[in-house]
Amino acid sequence: MATNLYVGNLPYSVNNDQLKSTFAQAGNVASAVVITDKFSGRSKGFGFVEMASEDEAKAAIEMFNGKDFEGRNLVVNEARPREERKTFRPRNDR
């Protein structure tokens, strides 16, 4: 079963392909996404990597957590489930 990893403290210059090829050193990467600002398109400095198996995910955490990547120490751990967000609804009672 695939395991989703959070990857923080990424250099802002890193793109999806670079993230995927880096984590491929630890095993099979199902997907890799650098999160970007929807208005500017600029990286927010974190992303998610989905490893094909739990063992490969553990190997990736061991291999990359706290390690230097282009001058920044990565933070790599298992991603938490996404929380529901409240949507903004303007009040019409004025």
PDB file of N, CA and C in Angstrom:
ATOM      1  N   MET A   1       0.839  -1.188   0.000  1.00  0.00           N
ATOM      2  CA  MET A   1       0.000   0.000   0.000  1.00  0.00           C
ATOM      3  C   MET A   1       0.883   1.250   0.000  1.00  0.00           C
ATOM      4  N   ALA A   2       0.509   2.243  -0.779  1.00  0.00           N
ATOM      5  CA  ALA A   2       1.290   3.475  -0.903  1.00  0.00           C
ATOM      6  C   ALA A   2       1.232   4.280   0.394  1.00  0.00           C
ATOM      7  N   THR A   3       2.327   4.967   0.683  1.00  0.00           N
ATOM      8  CA  THR A   3       2.430   5.800   1.873  1.00  0.00           C
ATOM      9  C   THR A   3       2.800   7.208   1.452  1.00  0.00           C
ATOM     10  N   ASN A   4       2.054   8.187   1.956  1.00  0.00           N
ATOM     11  CA  ASN A   4       2.261   9.585   1.609  1.00  0.00           C
ATOM     12  C   ASN A   4       3.198  10.228   2.627  1.00  0.00           C
ATOM     13  N   LEU A   5       4.224  10.918   2.131  1.00  0.00           N
ATOM     14  CA  LEU A   5       5.189  11.590   2.988  1.00  0.00           C
ATOM     15  C   LEU A   5       5.098  13.102   2.831  1.00  0.00           C
ATOM     16  N   TYR A   6       5.253  13.804   3.945  1.00  0.00           N
ATOM     17  CA  TYR A   6       5.377  15.257   3.940  1.00  0.00           C
ATOM     18  C   TYR A   6       6.863  15.576   3.813  1.00  0.00           C
ATOM     19  N   VAL A   7       7.211  16.510   2.941  1.00  0.00           N
ATOM     20  CA  VAL A   7       8.602  16.936   2.776  1.00  0.00           C
ATOM     21  C   VAL A   7       8.643  18.446   2.967  1.00  0.00           C
ATOM     22  N   GLY A   8       9.251  18.873   4.059  1.00  0.00           N
ATOM     23  CA  GLY A   8       9.306  20.298   4.373  1.00  0.00           C
ATOM     24  C   GLY A   8      10.703  20.864   4.263  1.00  0.00           C
ATOM     25  N   ASN A   9      10.780  22.188   4.271  1.00  0.00           N
ATOM     26  CA  ASN A   9      12.017  22.956   4.180  1.00  0.00           C
ATOM     27  C   ASN A   9      12.715  22.755   2.829  1.00  0.00           C
ATOM     28  N   LEU A  10      11.896  22.604   1.790  1.00  0.00           N
ATOM     29  CA  LEU A  10      12.445  22.459   0.437  1.00  0.00           C
ATOM     30  C   LEU A  10      12.969  23.797  -0.073  1.00  0.00           C
ATOM     31  N   PRO A  11      14.057  23.779  -0.838  1.00  0.00           N
ATOM     32  CA  PRO A  11      14.476  25.014  -1.503  1.00  0.00           C
ATOM     33  C   PRO A  11      13.364  25.457  -2.464  1.00  0.00           C
ATOM     34  N   TYR A  12      13.168  26.748  -2.602  1.00  0.00           N
ATOM     35  CA  TYR A  12      12.081  27.253  -3.440  1.00  0.00           C
ATOM     36  C   TYR A  12      12.287  26.960  -4.924  1.00  0.00           C
ATOM     37  N   SER A  13      13.514  26.593  -5.302  1.00  0.00           N
ATOM     38  CA  SER A  13      13.817  26.309  -6.708  1.00  0.00           C
ATOM     39  C   SER A  13      13.454  24.882  -7.130  1.00  0.00           C
ATOM     40  N   VAL A  14      13.137  24.006  -6.182  1.00  0.00           N
ATOM     41  CA  VAL A  14      12.858  22.599  -6.499  1.00  0.00           C
ATOM     42  C   VAL A  14      11.493  22.447  -7.159  1.00  0.00           C
ATOM     43  N   ASN A  15      11.441  21.622  -8.225  1.00  0.00           N
ATOM     44  CA  ASN A  15      10.166  21.353  -8.891  1.00  0.00           C
ATOM     45  C   ASN A  15       9.761  19.894  -8.690  1.00  0.00           C
ATOM     46  N   ASN A  16       8.599  19.514  -9.222  1.00  0.00           N
ATOM     47  CA  ASN A  16       8.065  18.162  -9.037  1.00  0.00           C
ATOM     48  C   ASN A  16       9.026  17.084  -9.528  1.00  0.00           C
ATOM     49  N   ASP A  17       9.625  17.287 -10.699  1.00  0.00           N
ATOM     50  CA  ASP A  17      10.524  16.285 -11.272  1.00  0.00           C
ATOM     51  C   ASP A  17      11.771  16.081 -10.416  1.00  0.00           C
ATOM     52  N   GLN A  18      12.333  17.175  -9.901  1.00  0.00           N
ATOM     53  CA  GLN A  18      13.513  17.066  -9.043  1.00  0.00           C
ATOM     54  C   GLN A  18      13.181  16.339  -7.749  1.00  0.00           C
ATOM     55  N   LEU A  19      12.014  16.645  -7.187  1.00  0.00           N
ATOM     56  CA  LEU A  19      11.591  15.982  -5.954  1.00  0.00           C
ATOM     57  C   LEU A  19      11.425  14.485  -6.193  1.00  0.00           C
ATOM     58  N   LYS A  20      10.789  14.139  -7.295  1.00  0.00           N
ATOM     59  CA  LYS A  20      10.564  12.725  -7.616  1.00  0.00           C
ATOM     60  C   LYS A  20      11.879  11.982  -7.838  1.00  0.00           C
ATOM     61  N   SER A  21      12.777  12.567  -8.595  1.00  0.00           N
ATOM     62  CA  SER A  21      14.040  11.876  -8.875  1.00  0.00           C
ATOM     63  C   SER A  21      14.902  11.735  -7.622  1.00  0.00           C
ATOM     64  N   THR A  22      14.835  12.702  -6.727  1.00  0.00           N
ATOM     65  CA  THR A  22      15.581  12.613  -5.472  1.00  0.00           C
ATOM     66  C   THR A  22      15.059  11.459  -4.615  1.00  0.00           C
ATOM     67  N   PHE A  23      13.747  11.380  -4.454  1.00  0.00           N
ATOM     68  CA  PHE A  23      13.172  10.343  -3.601  1.00  0.00           C
ATOM     69  C   PHE A  23      13.190   8.959  -4.259  1.00  0.00           C
ATOM     70  N   ALA A  24      13.397   8.904  -5.557  1.00  0.00           N
ATOM     71  CA  ALA A  24      13.523   7.620  -6.253  1.00  0.00           C
ATOM     72  C   ALA A  24      14.756   6.855  -5.781  1.00  0.00           C
ATOM     73  N   GLN A  25      15.708   7.550  -5.164  1.00  0.00           N
ATOM     74  CA  GLN A  25      16.881   6.896  -4.597  1.00  0.00           C
ATOM     75  C   GLN A  25      16.497   5.949  -3.463  1.00  0.00           C
ATOM     76  N   ALA A  26      15.353   6.188  -2.827  1.00  0.00           N
ATOM     77  CA  ALA A  26      14.899   5.370  -1.703  1.00  0.00           C
ATOM     78  C   ALA A  26      13.923   4.278  -2.133  1.00  0.00           C
ATOM     79  N   GLY A  27      13.433   4.339  -3.365  1.00  0.00           N
ATOM     80  CA  GLY A  27      12.475   3.334  -3.827  1.00  0.00           C
ATOM     81  C   GLY A  27      11.547   3.886  -4.890  1.00  0.00           C
ATOM     82  N   ASN A  28      10.462   3.161  -5.103  1.00  0.00           N
ATOM     83  CA  ASN A  28       9.480   3.491  -6.133  1.00  0.00           C
ATOM     84  C   ASN A  28       8.611   4.674  -5.705  1.00  0.00           C
ATOM     85  N   VAL A  29       8.624   5.742  -6.492  1.00  0.00           N
ATOM     86  CA  VAL A  29       7.829   6.937  -6.188  1.00  0.00           C
ATOM     87  C   VAL A  29       6.569   6.918  -7.048  1.00  0.00           C
ATOM     88  N   ALA A  30       5.395   6.885  -6.400  1.00  0.00           N
ATOM     89  CA  ALA A  30       4.124   6.898  -7.129  1.00  0.00           C
ATOM     90  C   ALA A  30       3.810   8.311  -7.624  1.00  0.00           C
ATOM     91  N   SER A  31       4.096   9.324  -6.800  1.00  0.00           N
ATOM     92  CA  SER A  31       3.873  10.713  -7.197  1.00  0.00           C
ATOM     93  C   SER A  31       4.694  11.635  -6.303  1.00  0.00           C
ATOM     94  N   ALA A  32       4.983  12.827  -6.824  1.00  0.00           N
ATOM     95  CA  ALA A  32       5.706  13.843  -6.067  1.00  0.00           C
ATOM     96  C   ALA A  32       5.181  15.211  -6.492  1.00  0.00           C
ATOM     97  N   VAL A  33       4.770  16.007  -5.515  1.00  0.00           N
ATOM     98  CA  VAL A  33       4.181  17.312  -5.804  1.00  0.00           C
ATOM     99  C   VAL A  33       4.755  18.364  -4.861  1.00  0.00           C
ATOM    100  N   VAL A  34       5.285  19.430  -5.453  1.00  0.00           N
ATOM    101  CA  VAL A  34       5.708  20.597  -4.687  1.00  0.00           C
ATOM    102  C   VAL A  34       4.501  21.516  -4.624  1.00  0.00           C
ATOM    103  N   ILE A  35       4.124  21.938  -3.432  1.00  0.00           N
ATOM    104  CA  ILE A  35       2.955  22.808  -3.257  1.00  0.00           C
ATOM    105  C   ILE A  35       3.343  24.240  -3.626  1.00  0.00           C
ATOM    106  N   THR A  36       2.508  24.853  -4.470  1.00  0.00           N
ATOM    107  CA  THR A  36       2.780  26.209  -4.946  1.00  0.00           C
ATOM    108  C   THR A  36       1.645  27.157  -4.584  1.00  0.00           C
ATOM    109  N   ASP A  37       1.987  28.430  -4.525  1.00  0.00           N
ATOM    110  CA  ASP A  37       0.998  29.476  -4.298  1.00  0.00           C
ATOM    111  C   ASP A  37       0.116  29.575  -5.538  1.00  0.00           C
ATOM    112  N   LYS A  38      -1.196  29.579  -5.349  1.00  0.00           N
ATOM    113  CA  LYS A  38      -2.087  29.560  -6.518  1.00  0.00           C
ATOM    114  C   LYS A  38      -2.081  30.868  -7.308  1.00  0.00           C
ATOM    115  N   PHE A  39      -1.636  31.948  -6.711  1.00  0.00           N
ATOM    116  CA  PHE A  39      -1.624  33.222  -7.423  1.00  0.00           C
ATOM    117  C   PHE A  39      -0.287  33.481  -8.111  1.00  0.00           C
ATOM    118  N   SER A  40       0.812  33.267  -7.390  1.00  0.00           N
ATOM    119  CA  SER A  40       2.134  33.566  -7.963  1.00  0.00           C
ATOM    120  C   SER A  40       2.759  32.356  -8.657  1.00  0.00           C
ATOM    121  N   GLY A  41       2.313  31.150  -8.296  1.00  0.00           N
ATOM    122  CA  GLY A  41       2.895  29.935  -8.862  1.00  0.00           C
ATOM    123  C   GLY A  41       4.225  29.565  -8.228  1.00  0.00           C
ATOM    124  N   ARG A  42       4.641  30.315  -7.235  1.00  0.00           N
ATOM    125  CA  ARG A  42       5.911  30.077  -6.555  1.00  0.00           C
ATOM    126  C   ARG A  42       5.776  28.990  -5.501  1.00  0.00           C
ATOM    127  N   SER A  43       6.821  28.206  -5.318  1.00  0.00           N
ATOM    128  CA  SER A  43       6.832  27.141  -4.324  1.00  0.00           C
ATOM    129  C   SER A  43       6.592  27.700  -2.924  1.00  0.00           C
ATOM    130  N   LYS A  44       5.888  26.915  -2.102  1.00  0.00           N
ATOM    131  CA  LYS A  44       5.681  27.295  -0.708  1.00  0.00           C
ATOM    132  C   LYS A  44       6.732  26.655   0.202  1.00  0.00           C
ATOM    133  N   GLY A  45       7.658  25.882  -0.390  1.00  0.00           N
ATOM    134  CA  GLY A  45       8.750  25.306   0.395  1.00  0.00           C
ATOM    135  C   GLY A  45       8.442  23.952   1.013  1.00  0.00           C
ATOM    136  N   PHE A  46       7.339  23.338   0.580  1.00  0.00           N
ATOM    137  CA  PHE A  46       7.045  21.986   1.046  1.00  0.00           C
ATOM    138  C   PHE A  46       6.312  21.221  -0.044  1.00  0.00           C
ATOM    139  N   GLY A  47       6.225  19.923   0.148  1.00  0.00           N
ATOM    140  CA  GLY A  47       5.551  19.090  -0.839  1.00  0.00           C
ATOM    141  C   GLY A  47       5.200  17.738  -0.268  1.00  0.00           C
ATOM    142  N   PHE A  48       4.694  16.871  -1.130  1.00  0.00           N
ATOM    143  CA  PHE A  48       4.297  15.529  -0.727  1.00  0.00           C
ATOM    144  C   PHE A  48       4.833  14.522  -1.731  1.00  0.00           C
ATOM    145  N   VAL A  49       5.332  13.411  -1.200  1.00  0.00           N
ATOM    146  CA  VAL A  49       5.842  12.326  -2.026  1.00  0.00           C
ATOM    147  C   VAL A  49       5.100  11.064  -1.619  1.00  0.00           C
ATOM    148  N   GLU A  50       4.528  10.382  -2.596  1.00  0.00           N
ATOM    149  CA  GLU A  50       3.834   9.129  -2.321  1.00  0.00           C
ATOM    150  C   GLU A  50       4.761   7.985  -2.741  1.00  0.00           C
ATOM    151  N   MET A  51       5.188   7.219  -1.743  1.00  0.00           N
ATOM    152  CA  MET A  51       6.056   6.076  -2.002  1.00  0.00           C
ATOM    153  C   MET A  51       5.178   4.841  -2.208  1.00  0.00           C
ATOM    154  N   ALA A  52       5.627   3.927  -3.070  1.00  0.00           N
ATOM    155  CA  ALA A  52       4.824   2.767  -3.461  1.00  0.00           C
ATOM    156  C   ALA A  52       4.540   1.810  -2.309  1.00  0.00           C
ATOM    157  N   SER A  53       5.436   1.726  -1.326  1.00  0.00           N
ATOM    158  CA  SER A  53       5.198   0.803  -0.206  1.00  0.00           C
ATOM    159  C   SER A  53       5.617   1.454   1.110  1.00  0.00           C
ATOM    160  N   GLU A  54       5.155   0.877   2.195  1.00  0.00           N
ATOM    161  CA  GLU A  54       5.488   1.390   3.521  1.00  0.00           C
ATOM    162  C   GLU A  54       6.987   1.249   3.794  1.00  0.00           C
ATOM    163  N   ASP A  55       7.592   0.139   3.349  1.00  0.00           N
ATOM    164  CA  ASP A  55       9.030  -0.063   3.549  1.00  0.00           C
ATOM    165  C   ASP A  55       9.853   0.988   2.810  1.00  0.00           C
ATOM    166  N   GLU A  56       9.439   1.324   1.594  1.00  0.00           N
ATOM    167  CA  GLU A  56      10.138   2.352   0.830  1.00  0.00           C
ATOM    168  C   GLU A  56       9.954   3.726   1.475  1.00  0.00           C
ATOM    169  N   ALA A  57       8.789   3.973   2.045  1.00  0.00           N
ATOM    170  CA  ALA A  57       8.543   5.238   2.744  1.00  0.00           C
ATOM    171  C   ALA A  57       9.456   5.350   3.966  1.00  0.00           C
ATOM    172  N   LYS A  58       9.586   4.266   4.730  1.00  0.00           N
ATOM    173  CA  LYS A  58      10.476   4.272   5.900  1.00  0.00           C
ATOM    174  C   LYS A  58      11.922   4.498   5.474  1.00  0.00           C
ATOM    175  N   ALA A  59      12.316   3.890   4.352  1.00  0.00           N
ATOM    176  CA  ALA A  59      13.669   4.077   3.832  1.00  0.00           C
ATOM    177  C   ALA A  59      13.897   5.537   3.438  1.00  0.00           C
ATOM    178  N   ALA A  60      12.898   6.158   2.832  1.00  0.00           N
ATOM    179  CA  ALA A  60      13.003   7.565   2.421  1.00  0.00           C
ATOM    180  C   ALA A  60      13.127   8.484   3.636  1.00  0.00           C
ATOM    181  N   ILE A  61      12.367   8.199   4.682  1.00  0.00           N
ATOM    182  CA  ILE A  61      12.449   9.006   5.907  1.00  0.00           C
ATOM    183  C   ILE A  61      13.851   8.887   6.493  1.00  0.00           C
ATOM    184  N   GLU A  62      14.353   7.650   6.593  1.00  0.00           N
ATOM    185  CA  GLU A  62      15.706   7.417   7.123  1.00  0.00           C
ATOM    186  C   GLU A  62      16.757   8.136   6.278  1.00  0.00           C
ATOM    187  N   MET A  63      16.596   8.063   4.968  1.00  0.00           N
ATOM    188  CA  MET A  63      17.591   8.593   4.037  1.00  0.00           C
ATOM    189  C   MET A  63      17.605  10.122   3.980  1.00  0.00           C
ATOM    190  N   PHE A  64      16.434  10.769   4.083  1.00  0.00           N
ATOM    191  CA  PHE A  64      16.362  12.205   3.804  1.00  0.00           C
ATOM    192  C   PHE A  64      16.026  13.108   4.989  1.00  0.00           C
ATOM    193  N   ASN A  65      15.388  12.607   6.032  1.00  0.00           N
ATOM    194  CA  ASN A  65      15.013  13.478   7.148  1.00  0.00           C
ATOM    195  C   ASN A  65      16.258  14.063   7.819  1.00  0.00           C
ATOM    196  N   GLY A  66      16.324  15.389   7.876  1.00  0.00           N
ATOM    197  CA  GLY A  66      17.443  16.079   8.495  1.00  0.00           C
ATOM    198  C   GLY A  66      18.663  16.228   7.604  1.00  0.00           C
ATOM    199  N   LYS A  67      18.606  15.692   6.407  1.00  0.00           N
ATOM    200  CA  LYS A  67      19.747  15.751   5.488  1.00  0.00           C
ATOM    201  C   LYS A  67      19.739  17.045   4.682  1.00  0.00           C
ATOM    202  N   ASP A  68      20.943  17.478   4.321  1.00  0.00           N
ATOM    203  CA  ASP A  68      21.109  18.695   3.532  1.00  0.00           C
ATOM    204  C   ASP A  68      20.669  18.447   2.088  1.00  0.00           C
ATOM    205  N   PHE A  69      19.839  19.336   1.572  1.00  0.00           N
ATOM    206  CA  PHE A  69      19.394  19.274   0.188  1.00  0.00           C
ATOM    207  C   PHE A  69      19.476  20.682  -0.373  1.00  0.00           C
ATOM    208  N   GLU A  70      20.473  20.929  -1.199  1.00  0.00           N
ATOM    209  CA  GLU A  70      20.712  22.254  -1.790  1.00  0.00           C
ATOM    210  C   GLU A  70      20.771  23.355  -0.726  1.00  0.00           C
ATOM    211  N   GLY A  71      21.474  23.063   0.371  1.00  0.00           N
ATOM    212  CA  GLY A  71      21.680  24.063   1.417  1.00  0.00           C
ATOM    213  C   GLY A  71      20.610  24.130   2.490  1.00  0.00           C
ATOM    214  N   ARG A  72      19.609  23.264   2.429  1.00  0.00           N
ATOM    215  CA  ARG A  72      18.544  23.270   3.442  1.00  0.00           C
ATOM    216  C   ARG A  72      18.384  21.870   4.024  1.00  0.00           C
ATOM    217  N   ASN A  73      18.135  21.786   5.330  1.00  0.00           N
ATOM    218  CA  ASN A  73      17.924  20.493   5.976  1.00  0.00           C
ATOM    219  C   ASN A  73      16.456  20.097   5.833  1.00  0.00           C
ATOM    220  N   LEU A  74      16.214  18.993   5.135  1.00  0.00           N
ATOM    221  CA  LEU A  74      14.847  18.545   4.875  1.00  0.00           C
ATOM    222  C   LEU A  74      14.166  18.025   6.136  1.00  0.00           C
ATOM    223  N   VAL A  75      12.862  18.175   6.170  1.00  0.00           N
ATOM    224  CA  VAL A  75      12.012  17.569   7.186  1.00  0.00           C
ATOM    225  C   VAL A  75      11.133  16.572   6.448  1.00  0.00           C
ATOM    226  N   VAL A  76      11.281  15.288   6.764  1.00  0.00           N
ATOM    227  CA  VAL A  76      10.524  14.246   6.069  1.00  0.00           C
ATOM    228  C   VAL A  76       9.865  13.362   7.108  1.00  0.00           C
ATOM    229  N   ASN A  77       8.543  13.249   7.021  1.00  0.00           N
ATOM    230  CA  ASN A  77       7.811  12.337   7.895  1.00  0.00           C
ATOM    231  C   ASN A  77       6.519  11.907   7.216  1.00  0.00           C
ATOM    232  N   GLU A  78       5.842  10.952   7.844  1.00  0.00           N
ATOM    233  CA  GLU A  78       4.590  10.471   7.262  1.00  0.00           C
ATOM    234  C   GLU A  78       3.554  11.591   7.337  1.00  0.00           C
ATOM    235  N   ALA A  79       2.877  11.828   6.221  1.00  0.00           N
ATOM    236  CA  ALA A  79       1.882  12.906   6.152  1.00  0.00           C
ATOM    237  C   ALA A  79       0.662  12.556   6.985  1.00  0.00           C
ATOM    238  N   ARG A  80       0.125  13.560   7.651  1.00  0.00           N
ATOM    239  CA  ARG A  80      -1.119  13.377   8.409  1.00  0.00           C
ATOM    240  C   ARG A  80      -2.294  13.476   7.453  1.00  0.00           C
ATOM    241  N   PRO A  81      -3.409  12.854   7.808  1.00  0.00           N
ATOM    242  CA  PRO A  81      -4.604  12.978   6.953  1.00  0.00           C
ATOM    243  C   PRO A  81      -5.033  14.440   6.857  1.00  0.00           C
ATOM    244  N   ARG A  82      -5.559  14.793   5.712  1.00  0.00           N
ATOM    245  CA  ARG A  82      -6.003  16.166   5.475  1.00  0.00           C
ATOM    246  C   ARG A  82      -7.218  16.471   6.340  1.00  0.00           C
ATOM    247  N   GLU A  83      -7.183  17.639   6.997  1.00  0.00           N
ATOM    248  CA  GLU A  83      -8.304  18.045   7.852  1.00  0.00           C
ATOM    249  C   GLU A  83      -9.327  18.815   7.032  1.00  0.00           C
ATOM    250  N   GLU A  84     -10.587  18.680   7.421  1.00  0.00           N
ATOM    251  CA  GLU A  84     -11.649  19.457   6.776  1.00  0.00           C
ATOM    252  C   GLU A  84     -11.461  20.922   7.129  1.00  0.00           C
ATOM    253  N   ARG A  85     -11.618  21.777   6.139  1.00  0.00           N
ATOM    254  CA  ARG A  85     -11.501  23.207   6.372  1.00  0.00           C
ATOM    255  C   ARG A  85     -12.868  23.848   6.242  1.00  0.00           C
ATOM    256  N   LYS A  86     -13.113  24.810   7.112  1.00  0.00           N
ATOM    257  CA  LYS A  86     -14.363  25.551   7.010  1.00  0.00           C
ATOM    258  C   LYS A  86     -14.250  26.518   5.840  1.00  0.00           C
ATOM    259  N   THR A  87     -15.321  26.620   5.096  1.00  0.00           N
ATOM    260  CA  THR A  87     -15.322  27.565   3.987  1.00  0.00           C
ATOM    261  C   THR A  87     -15.913  28.884   4.457  1.00  0.00           C
ATOM    262  N   PHE A  88     -15.427  29.945   3.892  1.00  0.00           N
ATOM    263  CA  PHE A  88     -15.916  31.277   4.233  1.00  0.00           C
ATOM    264  C   PHE A  88     -17.240  31.518   3.533  1.00  0.00           C
ATOM    265  N   ARG A  89     -18.203  31.922   4.304  1.00  0.00           N
ATOM    266  CA  ARG A  89     -19.512  32.282   3.729  1.00  0.00           C
ATOM    267  C   ARG A  89     -19.893  33.653   4.249  1.00  0.00           C
ATOM    268  N   PRO A  90     -20.046  34.602   3.357  1.00  0.00           N
ATOM    269  CA  PRO A  90     -20.427  35.955   3.804  1.00  0.00           C
ATOM    270  C   PRO A  90     -21.804  35.950   4.444  1.00  0.00           C
ATOM    271  N   ARG A  91     -21.947  36.797   5.432  1.00  0.00           N
ATOM    272  CA  ARG A  91     -23.232  36.907   6.117  1.00  0.00           C
ATOM    273  C   ARG A  91     -24.178  37.778   5.304  1.00  0.00           C
ATOM    274  N   ASN A  92     -25.401  37.376   5.212  1.00  0.00           N
ATOM    275  CA  ASN A  92     -26.416  38.130   4.472  1.00  0.00           C
ATOM    276  C   ASN A  92     -27.411  38.826   5.386  1.00  0.00           C
ATOM    277  N   ASP A  93     -27.094  38.911   6.677  1.00  0.00           N
ATOM    278  CA  ASP A  93     -28.057  39.482   7.635  1.00  0.00           C
ATOM    279  C   ASP A  93     -27.854  40.967   7.896  1.00  0.00           C
ATOM    280  N   ARG A  94     -27.143  41.636   7.037  1.00  0.00           N
ATOM    281  CA  ARG A  94     -26.908  43.071   7.250  1.00  0.00           C
ATOM    282  C   ARG A  94     -27.983  43.912   6.631  1.00  0.00           C
TER     283      ARG A  94
END
